[in-house]
Amino acid sequence: MPAGFNGDSSFYNDLQTPPGAPPGWLFPPVWAFNNATTLWSSLRIANLPSGTPGRTTVLVLEGLDWALFASFSALYFGLRSPVLGATVTVASLGVTAASVVVTAGLDRRAAWR
């Protein structure tokens, strides 16, 4: 059930998935793995000395990405707005790409999360 669920499942149940989309049961374990590796990467960066150039930038980008991630369900499912959902998705892609680039300069292993 989506985090933004407001008691009315009609919007969620009426969504059309594109051909070739992965089955719904696959999303929870994939997102759990993705979130765990992102946290592992962030922990590696957070444990660098506080004066390390780029460390704060990565942590701010990761915080922003988590905020975008947390807002998706409320915007897409709660407000029933595919436009806002797509906006958050594109913004998250940009923030993640920037985070990976800066992280790679600090810890290549963490960048491969």
N, C-alpha and C. Protein backbone atom coordinates (compact mmCIF):
# COMPACT_ATOMS: atom_id res chain seq x y z
N MET A 1 0.85 -1.18 0.00
CA MET A 1 0.00 0.00 0.00
C MET A 1 0.89 1.24 0.00
N PRO A 2 0.64 2.21 -0.83
CA PRO A 2 1.49 3.39 -0.91
C PRO A 2 1.46 4.22 0.37
N ALA A 3 2.55 4.88 0.66
CA ALA A 3 2.65 5.68 1.88
C ALA A 3 1.65 6.83 1.88
N GLY A 4 1.29 7.34 0.73
CA GLY A 4 0.35 8.44 0.65
C GLY A 4 -1.10 7.99 0.61
N PHE A 5 -1.37 6.73 0.90
CA PHE A 5 -2.71 6.17 0.82
C PHE A 5 -3.66 6.96 1.70
N ASN A 6 -4.76 7.40 1.12
CA ASN A 6 -5.71 8.23 1.86
C ASN A 6 -7.06 7.54 2.08
N GLY A 7 -7.09 6.23 1.98
CA GLY A 7 -8.32 5.49 2.23
C GLY A 7 -9.13 5.20 0.99
N ASP A 8 -8.76 5.75 -0.15
CA ASP A 8 -9.47 5.53 -1.40
C ASP A 8 -8.52 4.83 -2.37
N SER A 9 -8.74 3.55 -2.60
CA SER A 9 -7.82 2.77 -3.42
C SER A 9 -8.14 2.85 -4.91
N SER A 10 -9.17 3.58 -5.31
CA SER A 10 -9.57 3.60 -6.72
C SER A 10 -8.46 4.15 -7.63
N PHE A 11 -7.80 5.22 -7.22
CA PHE A 11 -6.72 5.79 -8.05
C PHE A 11 -5.61 4.76 -8.25
N TYR A 12 -5.19 4.15 -7.16
CA TYR A 12 -4.11 3.16 -7.24
C TYR A 12 -4.53 1.96 -8.08
N ASN A 13 -5.72 1.46 -7.87
CA ASN A 13 -6.20 0.28 -8.60
C ASN A 13 -6.44 0.56 -10.08
N ASP A 14 -6.71 1.81 -10.44
CA ASP A 14 -6.97 2.16 -11.84
C ASP A 14 -5.70 2.48 -12.64
N LEU A 15 -4.55 2.47 -11.98
CA LEU A 15 -3.30 2.77 -12.70
C LEU A 15 -3.03 1.71 -13.76
N GLN A 16 -2.61 2.17 -14.92
CA GLN A 16 -2.26 1.26 -16.01
C GLN A 16 -0.74 1.12 -16.04
N THR A 17 -0.26 -0.11 -15.95
CA THR A 17 1.18 -0.32 -16.03
C THR A 17 1.58 -0.58 -17.47
N PRO A 18 2.73 -0.06 -17.87
CA PRO A 18 3.17 -0.26 -19.25
C PRO A 18 3.57 -1.71 -19.50
N PRO A 19 3.53 -2.14 -20.75
CA PRO A 19 3.98 -3.50 -21.07
C PRO A 19 5.45 -3.65 -20.67
N GLY A 20 5.77 -4.79 -20.12
CA GLY A 20 7.15 -5.06 -19.71
C GLY A 20 7.49 -4.55 -18.32
N ALA A 21 6.52 -3.91 -17.64
CA ALA A 21 6.79 -3.43 -16.29
C ALA A 21 6.99 -4.61 -15.35
N PRO A 22 7.89 -4.49 -14.39
CA PRO A 22 8.10 -5.59 -13.45
C PRO A 22 6.85 -5.81 -12.60
N PRO A 23 6.68 -7.01 -12.08
CA PRO A 23 5.51 -7.29 -11.24
C PRO A 23 5.58 -6.49 -9.93
N GLY A 24 4.42 -6.16 -9.40
CA GLY A 24 4.33 -5.36 -8.19
C GLY A 24 5.06 -5.93 -6.99
N TRP A 25 5.07 -7.26 -6.87
CA TRP A 25 5.72 -7.88 -5.71
C TRP A 25 7.23 -7.66 -5.71
N LEU A 26 7.80 -7.27 -6.85
CA LEU A 26 9.24 -7.09 -6.94
C LEU A 26 9.70 -5.75 -6.34
N PHE A 27 8.82 -4.76 -6.29
CA PHE A 27 9.22 -3.44 -5.83
C PHE A 27 9.68 -3.41 -4.37
N PRO A 28 8.97 -4.01 -3.41
CA PRO A 28 9.44 -3.92 -2.02
C PRO A 28 10.87 -4.45 -1.80
N PRO A 29 11.22 -5.64 -2.29
CA PRO A 29 12.61 -6.07 -2.03
C PRO A 29 13.65 -5.24 -2.78
N VAL A 30 13.32 -4.78 -3.98
CA VAL A 30 14.27 -3.96 -4.73
C VAL A 30 14.48 -2.61 -4.04
N TRP A 31 13.39 -1.97 -3.60
CA TRP A 31 13.54 -0.70 -2.90
C TRP A 31 14.24 -0.89 -1.56
N ALA A 32 13.98 -1.99 -0.86
CA ALA A 32 14.69 -2.25 0.40
C ALA A 32 16.19 -2.35 0.15
N PHE A 33 16.58 -3.09 -0.90
CA PHE A 33 18.00 -3.22 -1.24
C PHE A 33 18.59 -1.86 -1.63
N ASN A 34 17.88 -1.12 -2.47
CA ASN A 34 18.34 0.20 -2.90
C ASN A 34 18.53 1.13 -1.70
N ASN A 35 17.56 1.16 -0.80
CA ASN A 35 17.66 2.02 0.37
C ASN A 35 18.79 1.60 1.29
N ALA A 36 18.98 0.29 1.48
CA ALA A 36 20.07 -0.20 2.33
C ALA A 36 21.43 0.19 1.76
N THR A 37 21.61 0.03 0.46
CA THR A 37 22.90 0.38 -0.13
C THR A 37 23.13 1.90 -0.12
N THR A 38 22.07 2.67 -0.27
CA THR A 38 22.19 4.12 -0.18
C THR A 38 22.60 4.54 1.22
N LEU A 39 21.99 3.93 2.23
CA LEU A 39 22.36 4.23 3.62
C LEU A 39 23.80 3.83 3.91
N TRP A 40 24.22 2.67 3.39
CA TRP A 40 25.61 2.21 3.57
C TRP A 40 26.57 3.22 2.96
N SER A 41 26.26 3.68 1.76
CA SER A 41 27.10 4.67 1.08
C SER A 41 27.15 5.98 1.88
N SER A 42 26.01 6.43 2.34
CA SER A 42 25.96 7.67 3.12
C SER A 42 26.74 7.54 4.41
N LEU A 43 26.68 6.39 5.04
CA LEU A 43 27.42 6.15 6.28
C LEU A 43 28.93 6.21 6.02
N ARG A 44 29.38 5.63 4.91
CA ARG A 44 30.81 5.70 4.56
C ARG A 44 31.25 7.16 4.40
N ILE A 45 30.42 7.95 3.75
CA ILE A 45 30.77 9.36 3.54
C ILE A 45 30.68 10.13 4.86
N ALA A 46 29.66 9.87 5.66
CA ALA A 46 29.50 10.56 6.94
C ALA A 46 30.66 10.27 7.88
N ASN A 47 31.28 9.10 7.76
CA ASN A 47 32.40 8.73 8.62
C ASN A 47 33.73 9.30 8.16
N LEU A 48 33.77 10.00 7.04
CA LEU A 48 34.99 10.70 6.63
C LEU A 48 35.21 11.88 7.59
N PRO A 49 36.45 12.34 7.74
CA PRO A 49 36.68 13.50 8.61
C PRO A 49 35.81 14.69 8.19
N SER A 50 35.33 15.43 9.17
CA SER A 50 34.35 16.49 8.90
C SER A 50 34.87 17.58 7.97
N GLY A 51 36.15 17.77 7.85
CA GLY A 51 36.68 18.80 6.96
C GLY A 51 36.93 18.32 5.55
N THR A 52 36.58 17.08 5.24
CA THR A 52 36.83 16.52 3.91
C THR A 52 36.03 17.29 2.86
N PRO A 53 36.73 17.87 1.86
CA PRO A 53 36.01 18.60 0.80
C PRO A 53 35.01 17.68 0.07
N GLY A 54 33.79 18.14 -0.06
CA GLY A 54 32.75 17.38 -0.75
C GLY A 54 31.87 16.55 0.18
N ARG A 55 32.35 16.28 1.39
CA ARG A 55 31.58 15.45 2.34
C ARG A 55 30.22 16.08 2.63
N THR A 56 30.22 17.35 3.00
CA THR A 56 28.96 18.03 3.32
C THR A 56 28.05 18.09 2.10
N THR A 57 28.62 18.32 0.94
CA THR A 57 27.82 18.38 -0.29
C THR A 57 27.08 17.07 -0.51
N VAL A 58 27.80 15.95 -0.36
CA VAL A 58 27.16 14.64 -0.55
C VAL A 58 26.05 14.44 0.47
N LEU A 59 26.32 14.76 1.73
CA LEU A 59 25.31 14.54 2.77
C LEU A 59 24.07 15.42 2.54
N VAL A 60 24.27 16.64 2.07
CA VAL A 60 23.12 17.51 1.75
C VAL A 60 22.34 16.94 0.57
N LEU A 61 23.06 16.50 -0.47
CA LEU A 61 22.38 15.89 -1.62
C LEU A 61 21.61 14.65 -1.21
N GLU A 62 22.20 13.82 -0.37
CA GLU A 62 21.51 12.61 0.08
C GLU A 62 20.27 12.96 0.91
N GLY A 63 20.38 13.97 1.77
CA GLY A 63 19.21 14.41 2.53
C GLY A 63 18.09 14.90 1.63
N LEU A 64 18.48 15.66 0.61
CA LEU A 64 17.50 16.15 -0.37
C LEU A 64 16.85 14.98 -1.11
N ASP A 65 17.66 14.00 -1.48
CA ASP A 65 17.12 12.84 -2.19
C ASP A 65 16.14 12.05 -1.31
N TRP A 66 16.46 11.92 -0.02
CA TRP A 66 15.53 11.23 0.89
C TRP A 66 14.24 12.03 1.04
N ALA A 67 14.34 13.35 1.06
CA ALA A 67 13.12 14.17 1.15
C ALA A 67 12.26 14.00 -0.10
N LEU A 68 12.91 13.96 -1.26
CA LEU A 68 12.16 13.73 -2.51
C LEU A 68 11.51 12.35 -2.48
N PHE A 69 12.27 11.34 -2.05
CA PHE A 69 11.76 9.97 -1.96
C PHE A 69 10.54 9.91 -1.05
N ALA A 70 10.64 10.57 0.10
CA ALA A 70 9.54 10.55 1.07
C ALA A 70 8.31 11.30 0.56
N SER A 71 8.51 12.30 -0.30
CA SER A 71 7.38 13.09 -0.77
C SER A 71 6.64 12.46 -1.95
N PHE A 72 7.27 11.51 -2.63
CA PHE A 72 6.68 10.96 -3.85
C PHE A 72 5.28 10.40 -3.62
N SER A 73 5.11 9.53 -2.65
CA SER A 73 3.81 8.89 -2.44
C SER A 73 2.71 9.89 -2.13
N ALA A 74 3.04 10.88 -1.29
CA ALA A 74 2.03 11.89 -0.95
C ALA A 74 1.62 12.70 -2.18
N LEU A 75 2.60 13.03 -3.01
CA LEU A 75 2.30 13.85 -4.20
C LEU A 75 1.62 13.04 -5.29
N TYR A 76 2.13 11.84 -5.55
CA TYR A 76 1.58 11.05 -6.65
C TYR A 76 0.27 10.37 -6.25
N PHE A 77 0.29 9.65 -5.14
CA PHE A 77 -0.91 8.91 -4.73
C PHE A 77 -1.87 9.77 -3.92
N GLY A 78 -1.34 10.52 -2.95
CA GLY A 78 -2.20 11.34 -2.09
C GLY A 78 -2.90 12.45 -2.86
N LEU A 79 -2.14 13.19 -3.66
CA LEU A 79 -2.72 14.28 -4.45
C LEU A 79 -3.17 13.82 -5.83
N ARG A 80 -2.89 12.56 -6.14
CA ARG A 80 -3.25 11.97 -7.44
C ARG A 80 -2.69 12.79 -8.60
N SER A 81 -1.42 13.12 -8.48
CA SER A 81 -0.81 13.99 -9.48
C SER A 81 0.37 13.30 -10.17
N PRO A 82 0.13 12.71 -11.34
CA PRO A 82 1.23 12.14 -12.10
C PRO A 82 2.29 13.18 -12.47
N VAL A 83 1.87 14.43 -12.67
CA VAL A 83 2.82 15.49 -13.02
C VAL A 83 3.78 15.74 -11.86
N LEU A 84 3.25 15.86 -10.64
CA LEU A 84 4.12 16.05 -9.48
C LEU A 84 4.98 14.81 -9.24
N GLY A 85 4.41 13.63 -9.44
CA GLY A 85 5.20 12.40 -9.30
C GLY A 85 6.35 12.36 -10.28
N ALA A 86 6.09 12.74 -11.52
CA ALA A 86 7.15 12.77 -12.54
C ALA A 86 8.18 13.84 -12.21
N THR A 87 7.73 14.97 -11.70
CA THR A 87 8.66 16.05 -11.33
C THR A 87 9.60 15.59 -10.24
N VAL A 88 9.06 14.92 -9.23
CA VAL A 88 9.89 14.40 -8.14
C VAL A 88 10.86 13.36 -8.68
N THR A 89 10.40 12.51 -9.57
CA THR A 89 11.26 11.47 -10.14
C THR A 89 12.43 12.07 -10.92
N VAL A 90 12.16 13.06 -11.74
CA VAL A 90 13.22 13.71 -12.52
C VAL A 90 14.18 14.46 -11.60
N ALA A 91 13.63 15.16 -10.60
CA ALA A 91 14.49 15.87 -9.64
C ALA A 91 15.38 14.88 -8.89
N SER A 92 14.80 13.75 -8.49
CA SER A 92 15.57 12.74 -7.78
C SER A 92 16.68 12.16 -8.65
N LEU A 93 16.40 11.98 -9.93
CA LEU A 93 17.43 11.50 -10.85
C LEU A 93 18.60 12.47 -10.90
N GLY A 94 18.31 13.75 -11.00
CA GLY A 94 19.37 14.76 -11.03
C GLY A 94 20.17 14.82 -9.74
N VAL A 95 19.47 14.78 -8.61
CA VAL A 95 20.14 14.83 -7.31
C VAL A 95 20.99 13.57 -7.11
N THR A 96 20.47 12.42 -7.49
CA THR A 96 21.22 11.18 -7.36
C THR A 96 22.47 11.20 -8.24
N ALA A 97 22.33 11.66 -9.47
CA ALA A 97 23.48 11.74 -10.37
C ALA A 97 24.56 12.66 -9.79
N ALA A 98 24.15 13.81 -9.29
CA ALA A 98 25.12 14.73 -8.68
C ALA A 98 25.79 14.10 -7.47
N SER A 99 25.01 13.41 -6.66
CA SER A 99 25.55 12.75 -5.48
C SER A 99 26.57 11.68 -5.85
N VAL A 100 26.26 10.89 -6.86
CA VAL A 100 27.19 9.84 -7.29
C VAL A 100 28.49 10.45 -7.80
N VAL A 101 28.40 11.53 -8.56
CA VAL A 101 29.61 12.18 -9.09
C VAL A 101 30.49 12.69 -7.95
N VAL A 102 29.90 13.40 -6.99
CA VAL A 102 30.68 13.94 -5.88
C VAL A 102 31.20 12.80 -5.00
N THR A 103 30.37 11.79 -4.75
CA THR A 103 30.78 10.65 -3.94
C THR A 103 31.96 9.93 -4.58
N ALA A 104 31.95 9.78 -5.89
CA ALA A 104 33.05 9.08 -6.58
C ALA A 104 34.39 9.76 -6.32
N GLY A 105 34.39 11.06 -6.14
CA GLY A 105 35.62 11.78 -5.84
C GLY A 105 36.10 11.56 -4.42
N LEU A 106 35.22 11.07 -3.56
CA LEU A 106 35.56 10.84 -2.16
C LEU A 106 35.80 9.37 -1.84
N ASP A 107 34.98 8.52 -2.40
CA ASP A 107 35.02 7.08 -2.08
C ASP A 107 34.37 6.33 -3.25
N ARG A 108 35.21 5.82 -4.13
CA ARG A 108 34.68 5.15 -5.33
C ARG A 108 33.79 3.97 -4.97
N ARG A 109 34.11 3.26 -3.93
CA ARG A 109 33.28 2.11 -3.52
C ARG A 109 31.88 2.57 -3.11
N ALA A 110 31.81 3.66 -2.38
CA ALA A 110 30.51 4.18 -1.95
C ALA A 110 29.70 4.70 -3.14
N ALA A 111 30.39 5.15 -4.18
CA ALA A 111 29.68 5.67 -5.35
C ALA A 111 28.96 4.57 -6.12
N TRP A 112 29.38 3.33 -5.94
CA TRP A 112 28.76 2.19 -6.66
C TRP A 112 27.60 1.59 -5.89
N ARG A 113 27.08 2.29 -4.92
CA ARG A 113 25.99 1.78 -4.11
C ARG A 113 25.00 1.10 -4.90
